Amino acid sequence: MHRNLTLSVVIPCYNEEDGVREVIGRMPACVDEIVVVDNNCTDHTSEVATSLGARVVFEKTPGYGAAYTAGMAVATGDIIVTLDGDGTYPPEEITRLVDHLVQKPLDFLSASRFPLSDPRAMGFTSRFGNWVLTIVAMVLFLRPLRDSQSGMWVFRRTLLGSLRLTSDGMPFSQEIKLEAMLLGARFGEAHIPYGARIGEVKLQKWRDGWLNLTFLVRKRFGLV
């Protein structure tokens, strides 16, 4: 608990046994609940997470959005925090981000990775792709954003029931931010340090980038 608010952290995983061990190990003591979503893992992610005190949820539908939907549905905290199981997002920043959310006050806070604290943590093509998708999102939806693709968010759980979330895949990350803003929720961004991933890269840059781009267009014109 932090600031009299209970905190749930939701971590989607596909074969992240090494990463999730480190991520959970770095979790601040104020976190009340850790929900790890096993999205068809074939390694020991679930066993590692369980041994470290996390609640494991199994989601057979493949995809980033499907995993998050399953995890957030069972989270019980007043505040939901999300991050990846590969060590790129900093659990140590959770208390600062919650402070930021409460002090502003905000309903939804997205953690912006840019400018990168360590440029080596993200290759040029990924940085360029993030820039393109963020610019397109701003132009289509007329909302200010620094990092439309960030996977670390801090938001009030009561907001969930009002968000119309449709994506099972990578576009979920940009969709949840846009939905919060379109709903009129108090939205903000705060900078975080972004690190190198632990383990094998799962992202398929060109395919996922194209899916994200086309999803933005379809969502803008009410086709999803």
C-alpha atoms as a PDB file:
ATOM      1  CA  MET A   1       0.000   0.000   0.000  1.00  0.00           C
ATOM      2  CA  HIS A   2       1.170   3.522  -0.814  1.00  0.00           C
ATOM      3  CA  ARG A   3      -0.635   6.770   0.030  1.00  0.00           C
ATOM      4  CA  ASN A   4      -3.474   4.662   1.449  1.00  0.00           C
ATOM      5  CA  LEU A   5      -3.984   3.048  -1.959  1.00  0.00           C
ATOM      6  CA  THR A   6      -3.510  -0.646  -2.661  1.00  0.00           C
ATOM      7  CA  LEU A   7      -1.276  -1.413  -5.650  1.00  0.00           C
ATOM      8  CA  SER A   8      -1.572  -4.258  -8.151  1.00  0.00           C
ATOM      9  CA  VAL A   9       1.167  -4.822 -10.716  1.00  0.00           C
ATOM     10  CA  VAL A  10       0.198  -6.714 -13.886  1.00  0.00           C
ATOM     11  CA  ILE A  11       2.974  -8.353 -15.938  1.00  0.00           C
ATOM     12  CA  PRO A  12       2.203 -10.086 -19.283  1.00  0.00           C
ATOM     13  CA  CYS A  13       4.709 -12.825 -20.099  1.00  0.00           C
ATOM     14  CA  TYR A  14       5.625 -15.096 -22.955  1.00  0.00           C
ATOM     15  CA  ASN A  15       8.701 -17.132 -21.992  1.00  0.00           C
ATOM     16  CA  GLU A  16      10.263 -14.630 -19.579  1.00  0.00           C
ATOM     17  CA  GLU A  17      11.521 -16.871 -16.758  1.00  0.00           C
ATOM     18  CA  ASP A  18      14.800 -14.971 -16.376  1.00  0.00           C
ATOM     19  CA  GLY A  19      13.311 -11.517 -16.811  1.00  0.00           C
ATOM     20  CA  VAL A  20      10.339 -12.035 -14.515  1.00  0.00           C
ATOM     21  CA  ARG A  21      12.640 -13.294 -11.762  1.00  0.00           C
ATOM     22  CA  GLU A  22      14.549 -10.021 -11.843  1.00  0.00           C
ATOM     23  CA  VAL A  23      11.452  -7.835 -12.265  1.00  0.00           C
ATOM     24  CA  ILE A  24       9.690  -9.354  -9.251  1.00  0.00           C
ATOM     25  CA  GLY A  25      12.916  -9.209  -7.258  1.00  0.00           C
ATOM     26  CA  ARG A  26      13.121  -5.459  -7.878  1.00  0.00           C
ATOM     27  CA  MET A  27       9.502  -4.792  -6.886  1.00  0.00           C
ATOM     28  CA  PRO A  28       9.073  -2.226  -4.082  1.00  0.00           C
ATOM     29  CA  ALA A  29       7.631  -3.445  -0.791  1.00  0.00           C
ATOM     30  CA  CYS A  30       4.550  -1.221  -1.132  1.00  0.00           C
ATOM     31  CA  VAL A  31       3.159  -3.401  -3.939  1.00  0.00           C
ATOM     32  CA  ASP A  32       0.253  -5.444  -2.564  1.00  0.00           C
ATOM     33  CA  GLU A  33      -0.314  -7.823  -5.468  1.00  0.00           C
ATOM     34  CA  ILE A  34       1.658  -9.061  -8.458  1.00  0.00           C
ATOM     35  CA  VAL A  35      -0.331 -10.652 -11.276  1.00  0.00           C
ATOM     36  CA  VAL A  36       1.737 -12.491 -13.884  1.00  0.00           C
ATOM     37  CA  VAL A  37      -0.101 -13.529 -17.042  1.00  0.00           C
ATOM     38  CA  ASP A  38       1.211 -16.716 -18.634  1.00  0.00           C
ATOM     39  CA  ASN A  39       0.428 -16.196 -22.314  1.00  0.00           C
ATOM     40  CA  ASN A  40       1.201 -19.731 -23.574  1.00  0.00           C
ATOM     41  CA  CYS A  41       4.674 -19.917 -22.021  1.00  0.00           C
ATOM     42  CA  THR A  42       6.715 -23.046 -22.747  1.00  0.00           C
ATOM     43  CA  ASP A  43       9.427 -22.324 -20.176  1.00  0.00           C
ATOM     44  CA  HIS A  44       9.312 -21.983 -16.374  1.00  0.00           C
ATOM     45  CA  THR A  45       7.867 -18.458 -16.188  1.00  0.00           C
ATOM     46  CA  SER A  46       4.840 -19.568 -14.164  1.00  0.00           C
ATOM     47  CA  GLU A  47       6.833 -21.630 -11.693  1.00  0.00           C
ATOM     48  CA  VAL A  48       9.339 -18.820 -11.137  1.00  0.00           C
ATOM     49  CA  ALA A  49       6.585 -16.232 -10.646  1.00  0.00           C
ATOM     50  CA  THR A  50       4.649 -18.452  -8.243  1.00  0.00           C
ATOM     51  CA  SER A  51       7.755 -19.199  -6.194  1.00  0.00           C
ATOM     52  CA  LEU A  52       8.297 -15.449  -5.773  1.00  0.00           C
ATOM     53  CA  GLY A  53       4.772 -14.832  -4.490  1.00  0.00           C
ATOM     54  CA  ALA A  54       3.025 -13.707  -7.660  1.00  0.00           C
ATOM     55  CA  ARG A  55      -0.473 -14.752  -8.655  1.00  0.00           C
ATOM     56  CA  VAL A  56      -0.325 -16.461 -12.043  1.00  0.00           C
ATOM     57  CA  VAL A  57      -3.184 -16.201 -14.535  1.00  0.00           C
ATOM     58  CA  PHE A  58      -3.236 -18.293 -17.706  1.00  0.00           C
ATOM     59  CA  GLU A  59      -4.464 -16.761 -20.975  1.00  0.00           C
ATOM     60  CA  LYS A  60      -4.595 -18.987 -24.069  1.00  0.00           C
ATOM     61  CA  THR A  61      -5.466 -16.238 -26.575  1.00  0.00           C
ATOM     62  CA  PRO A  62      -2.065 -15.096 -27.831  1.00  0.00           C
ATOM     63  CA  GLY A  63      -1.208 -11.436 -27.768  1.00  0.00           C
ATOM     64  CA  TYR A  64      -0.165  -8.495 -25.626  1.00  0.00           C
ATOM     65  CA  GLY A  65      -3.677  -7.117 -25.350  1.00  0.00           C
ATOM     66  CA  ALA A  66      -5.241 -10.466 -24.516  1.00  0.00           C
ATOM     67  CA  ALA A  67      -2.701 -10.994 -21.745  1.00  0.00           C
ATOM     68  CA  TYR A  68      -3.304  -7.556 -20.265  1.00  0.00           C
ATOM     69  CA  THR A  69      -7.071  -7.935 -20.441  1.00  0.00           C
ATOM     70  CA  ALA A  70      -6.845 -11.213 -18.496  1.00  0.00           C
ATOM     71  CA  GLY A  71      -4.482  -9.798 -15.887  1.00  0.00           C
ATOM     72  CA  MET A  72      -6.290  -6.541 -15.280  1.00  0.00           C
ATOM     73  CA  ALA A  73      -9.603  -8.379 -14.928  1.00  0.00           C
ATOM     74  CA  VAL A  74      -8.386 -10.109 -11.766  1.00  0.00           C
ATOM     75  CA  ALA A  75      -6.317  -7.262 -10.288  1.00  0.00           C
ATOM     76  CA  THR A  76      -7.805  -6.022  -7.020  1.00  0.00           C
ATOM     77  CA  GLY A  77      -5.737  -2.933  -6.178  1.00  0.00           C
ATOM     78  CA  ASP A  78      -7.001   0.639  -6.133  1.00  0.00           C
ATOM     79  CA  ILE A  79      -4.180   1.403  -8.549  1.00  0.00           C
ATOM     80  CA  ILE A  80      -3.063  -0.847 -11.406  1.00  0.00           C
ATOM     81  CA  VAL A  81       0.543  -0.628 -12.563  1.00  0.00           C
ATOM     82  CA  THR A  82       1.721  -2.413 -15.702  1.00  0.00           C
ATOM     83  CA  LEU A  83       5.152  -3.298 -16.988  1.00  0.00           C
ATOM     84  CA  ASP A  84       6.810  -5.963 -19.107  1.00  0.00           C
ATOM     85  CA  GLY A  85       8.439  -9.105 -17.767  1.00  0.00           C
ATOM     86  CA  ASP A  86      11.732  -8.516 -19.568  1.00  0.00           C
ATOM     87  CA  GLY A  87      13.325  -5.967 -17.231  1.00  0.00           C
ATOM     88  CA  THR A  88      13.100  -2.993 -19.593  1.00  0.00           C
ATOM     89  CA  TYR A  89      10.695  -1.021 -17.385  1.00  0.00           C
ATOM     90  CA  PRO A  90      11.831  -0.025 -13.866  1.00  0.00           C
ATOM     91  CA  PRO A  91       9.795  -1.406 -10.927  1.00  0.00           C
ATOM     92  CA  GLU A  92      11.790   0.950  -8.686  1.00  0.00           C
ATOM     93  CA  GLU A  93       9.895   3.890 -10.211  1.00  0.00           C
ATOM     94  CA  ILE A  94       6.452   2.671  -9.114  1.00  0.00           C
ATOM     95  CA  THR A  95       6.255   4.715  -5.904  1.00  0.00           C
ATOM     96  CA  ARG A  96       7.370   7.898  -7.678  1.00  0.00           C
ATOM     97  CA  LEU A  97       4.818   7.362 -10.440  1.00  0.00           C
ATOM     98  CA  VAL A  98       2.014   6.734  -7.951  1.00  0.00           C
ATOM     99  CA  ASP A  99       3.033   9.919  -6.129  1.00  0.00           C
ATOM    100  CA  HIS A 100       2.835  11.773  -9.435  1.00  0.00           C
ATOM    101  CA  LEU A 101      -0.612  10.331 -10.185  1.00  0.00           C
ATOM    102  CA  VAL A 102      -1.966  11.333  -6.777  1.00  0.00           C
ATOM    103  CA  GLN A 103      -0.367  14.769  -6.543  1.00  0.00           C
ATOM    104  CA  LYS A 104      -1.438  16.082  -9.958  1.00  0.00           C
ATOM    105  CA  PRO A 105      -4.104  14.521  -9.553  1.00  0.00           C
ATOM    106  CA  LEU A 106      -4.533  12.143 -12.521  1.00  0.00           C
ATOM    107  CA  ASP A 107      -6.604   9.117 -13.436  1.00  0.00           C
ATOM    108  CA  PHE A 108      -4.113   7.639 -15.917  1.00  0.00           C
ATOM    109  CA  LEU A 109      -0.351   8.146 -16.026  1.00  0.00           C
ATOM    110  CA  SER A 110       1.750   6.768 -18.864  1.00  0.00           C
ATOM    111  CA  ALA A 111       5.491   6.333 -18.316  1.00  0.00           C
ATOM    112  CA  SER A 112       7.396   7.912 -21.203  1.00  0.00           C
ATOM    113  CA  ARG A 113      10.706   6.368 -22.201  1.00  0.00           C
ATOM    114  CA  PHE A 114      11.816   9.374 -24.247  1.00  0.00           C
ATOM    115  CA  PRO A 115      14.295  10.905 -24.233  1.00  0.00           C
ATOM    116  CA  LEU A 116      16.097   7.615 -23.598  1.00  0.00           C
ATOM    117  CA  SER A 117      18.284   7.622 -20.505  1.00  0.00           C
ATOM    118  CA  ASP A 118      20.447   4.973 -22.188  1.00  0.00           C
ATOM    119  CA  PRO A 119      20.347   5.173 -26.013  1.00  0.00           C
ATOM    120  CA  ARG A 120      21.781   1.636 -26.183  1.00  0.00           C
ATOM    121  CA  ALA A 121      18.544   0.240 -24.722  1.00  0.00           C
ATOM    122  CA  MET A 122      16.637   0.780 -27.988  1.00  0.00           C
ATOM    123  CA  GLY A 123      17.853   0.458 -31.570  1.00  0.00           C
ATOM    124  CA  PHE A 124      17.402   3.141 -34.208  1.00  0.00           C
ATOM    125  CA  THR A 125      14.612   1.352 -36.087  1.00  0.00           C
ATOM    126  CA  SER A 126      12.602   0.922 -32.882  1.00  0.00           C
ATOM    127  CA  ARG A 127      13.119   4.576 -31.935  1.00  0.00           C
ATOM    128  CA  PHE A 128      12.056   5.671 -35.412  1.00  0.00           C
ATOM    129  CA  GLY A 129       9.004   3.395 -35.370  1.00  0.00           C
ATOM    130  CA  ASN A 130       7.934   4.735 -31.975  1.00  0.00           C
ATOM    131  CA  TRP A 131       8.323   8.294 -33.226  1.00  0.00           C
ATOM    132  CA  VAL A 132       6.212   7.623 -36.343  1.00  0.00           C
ATOM    133  CA  LEU A 133       3.427   5.897 -34.394  1.00  0.00           C
ATOM    134  CA  THR A 134       3.340   8.633 -31.761  1.00  0.00           C
ATOM    135  CA  ILE A 135       3.142  11.394 -34.394  1.00  0.00           C
ATOM    136  CA  VAL A 136       0.359   9.552 -36.254  1.00  0.00           C
ATOM    137  CA  ALA A 137      -1.586   9.052 -33.017  1.00  0.00           C
ATOM    138  CA  MET A 138      -1.317  12.766 -32.196  1.00  0.00           C
ATOM    139  CA  VAL A 139      -2.397  13.848 -35.669  1.00  0.00           C
ATOM    140  CA  LEU A 140      -5.327  11.429 -35.909  1.00  0.00           C
ATOM    141  CA  PHE A 141      -6.691  11.968 -32.403  1.00  0.00           C
ATOM    142  CA  LEU A 142      -5.516  15.530 -31.729  1.00  0.00           C
ATOM    143  CA  ARG A 143      -4.104  14.583 -28.346  1.00  0.00           C
ATOM    144  CA  PRO A 144      -0.567  15.345 -27.033  1.00  0.00           C
ATOM    145  CA  LEU A 145       1.664  12.301 -26.489  1.00  0.00           C
ATOM    146  CA  ARG A 146       5.377  11.728 -26.015  1.00  0.00           C
ATOM    147  CA  ASP A 147       5.385   7.923 -26.096  1.00  0.00           C
ATOM    148  CA  SER A 148       2.300   6.225 -27.521  1.00  0.00           C
ATOM    149  CA  GLN A 149       3.883   2.755 -27.309  1.00  0.00           C
ATOM    150  CA  SER A 150       5.030   2.697 -23.677  1.00  0.00           C
ATOM    151  CA  GLY A 151       4.072  -0.474 -21.807  1.00  0.00           C
ATOM    152  CA  MET A 152       4.257   0.999 -18.319  1.00  0.00           C
ATOM    153  CA  TRP A 153       1.103   2.700 -17.041  1.00  0.00           C
ATOM    154  CA  VAL A 154      -0.280   3.658 -13.641  1.00  0.00           C
ATOM    155  CA  PHE A 155      -4.036   4.174 -13.440  1.00  0.00           C
ATOM    156  CA  ARG A 156      -7.043   3.992 -11.168  1.00  0.00           C
ATOM    157  CA  ARG A 157      -8.769   0.614 -11.438  1.00  0.00           C
ATOM    158  CA  THR A 158     -12.197   2.285 -11.443  1.00  0.00           C
ATOM    159  CA  LEU A 159     -11.346   3.631 -14.900  1.00  0.00           C
ATOM    160  CA  LEU A 160     -11.232   0.167 -16.466  1.00  0.00           C
ATOM    161  CA  GLY A 161     -14.965  -0.393 -16.810  1.00  0.00           C
ATOM    162  CA  SER A 162     -15.355   2.757 -18.915  1.00  0.00           C
ATOM    163  CA  LEU A 163     -12.622   1.979 -21.474  1.00  0.00           C
ATOM    164  CA  ARG A 164     -13.632   0.405 -24.795  1.00  0.00           C
ATOM    165  CA  LEU A 165     -10.622  -1.816 -25.435  1.00  0.00           C
ATOM    166  CA  THR A 166     -10.701  -4.030 -28.525  1.00  0.00           C
ATOM    167  CA  SER A 167      -7.159  -5.096 -29.388  1.00  0.00           C
ATOM    168  CA  ASP A 168      -5.737  -8.487 -28.392  1.00  0.00           C
ATOM    169  CA  GLY A 169      -2.315  -7.597 -29.762  1.00  0.00           C
ATOM    170  CA  MET A 170       0.392  -4.932 -29.578  1.00  0.00           C
ATOM    171  CA  PRO A 171      -1.974  -2.042 -30.481  1.00  0.00           C
ATOM    172  CA  PHE A 172      -3.501  -2.454 -27.004  1.00  0.00           C
ATOM    173  CA  SER A 173      -0.725  -0.280 -25.582  1.00  0.00           C
ATOM    174  CA  GLN A 174      -1.653   2.748 -27.666  1.00  0.00           C
ATOM    175  CA  GLU A 175      -5.376   1.989 -27.487  1.00  0.00           C
ATOM    176  CA  ILE A 176      -5.622   2.131 -23.695  1.00  0.00           C
ATOM    177  CA  LYS A 177      -3.959   5.563 -23.624  1.00  0.00           C
ATOM    178  CA  LEU A 178      -6.165   6.930 -26.379  1.00  0.00           C
ATOM    179  CA  GLU A 179      -9.289   5.524 -24.740  1.00  0.00           C
ATOM    180  CA  ALA A 180      -8.398   7.186 -21.443  1.00  0.00           C
ATOM    181  CA  MET A 181      -7.910  10.538 -23.165  1.00  0.00           C
ATOM    182  CA  LEU A 182     -11.027  10.247 -25.340  1.00  0.00           C
ATOM    183  CA  LEU A 183     -13.043   9.389 -22.235  1.00  0.00           C
ATOM    184  CA  GLY A 184     -11.938  12.663 -20.686  1.00  0.00           C
ATOM    185  CA  ALA A 185      -9.902  11.053 -17.922  1.00  0.00           C
ATOM    186  CA  ARG A 186      -7.184  13.158 -16.341  1.00  0.00           C
ATOM    187  CA  PHE A 187      -4.184  11.938 -18.350  1.00  0.00           C
ATOM    188  CA  GLY A 188      -0.492  12.632 -18.009  1.00  0.00           C
ATOM    189  CA  GLU A 189       2.981  11.328 -18.824  1.00  0.00           C
ATOM    190  CA  ALA A 190       6.108  11.098 -16.683  1.00  0.00           C
ATOM    191  CA  HIS A 191       9.617  10.168 -17.748  1.00  0.00           C
ATOM    192  CA  ILE A 192      11.238   6.872 -16.706  1.00  0.00           C
ATOM    193  CA  PRO A 193      14.629   5.287 -17.393  1.00  0.00           C
ATOM    194  CA  TYR A 194      14.352   2.450 -19.911  1.00  0.00           C
ATOM    195  CA  GLY A 195      16.777  -0.476 -19.829  1.00  0.00           C
ATOM    196  CA  ALA A 196      18.002  -3.319 -22.019  1.00  0.00           C
ATOM    197  CA  ARG A 197      15.776  -6.386 -22.143  1.00  0.00           C
ATOM    198  CA  ILE A 198      16.610  -9.690 -20.486  1.00  0.00           C
ATOM    199  CA  GLY A 199      16.243 -12.693 -22.762  1.00  0.00           C
ATOM    200  CA  GLU A 200      15.086 -13.182 -26.329  1.00  0.00           C
ATOM    201  CA  VAL A 201      13.435 -10.346 -28.270  1.00  0.00           C
ATOM    202  CA  LYS A 202       9.811 -11.251 -29.122  1.00  0.00           C
ATOM    203  CA  LEU A 203       8.799  -8.091 -30.969  1.00  0.00           C
ATOM    204  CA  GLN A 204       8.544  -8.409 -34.762  1.00  0.00           C
ATOM    205  CA  LYS A 205       9.309  -4.794 -35.604  1.00  0.00           C
ATOM    206  CA  TRP A 206       7.936  -4.373 -39.098  1.00  0.00           C
ATOM    207  CA  ARG A 207       4.878  -6.586 -38.662  1.00  0.00           C
ATOM    208  CA  ASP A 208       3.948  -5.127 -35.281  1.00  0.00           C
ATOM    209  CA  GLY A 209       4.657  -1.583 -36.454  1.00  0.00           C
ATOM    210  CA  TRP A 210       2.359  -2.016 -39.457  1.00  0.00           C
ATOM    211  CA  LEU A 211      -0.382  -3.546 -37.282  1.00  0.00           C
ATOM    212  CA  ASN A 212      -0.122  -0.629 -34.863  1.00  0.00           C
ATOM    213  CA  LEU A 213      -0.256   1.914 -37.671  1.00  0.00           C
ATOM    214  CA  THR A 214      -3.276   0.393 -39.405  1.00  0.00           C
ATOM    215  CA  PHE A 215      -5.032  -0.041 -36.058  1.00  0.00           C
ATOM    216  CA  LEU A 216      -4.693   3.678 -35.355  1.00  0.00           C
ATOM    217  CA  VAL A 217      -6.389   4.519 -38.657  1.00  0.00           C
ATOM    218  CA  ARG A 218      -9.167   1.983 -38.161  1.00  0.00           C
ATOM    219  CA  LYS A 219      -9.814   3.164 -34.605  1.00  0.00           C
ATOM    220  CA  ARG A 220      -9.915   6.789 -35.648  1.00  0.00           C
ATOM    221  CA  PHE A 221     -12.634   6.047 -38.182  1.00  0.00           C
ATOM    222  CA  GLY A 222     -14.623   3.713 -35.950  1.00  0.00           C
ATOM    223  CA  LEU A 223     -13.711   0.472 -37.698  1.00  0.00           C
ATOM    224  CA  VAL A 224     -12.713  -1.382 -34.509  1.00  0.00           C
END
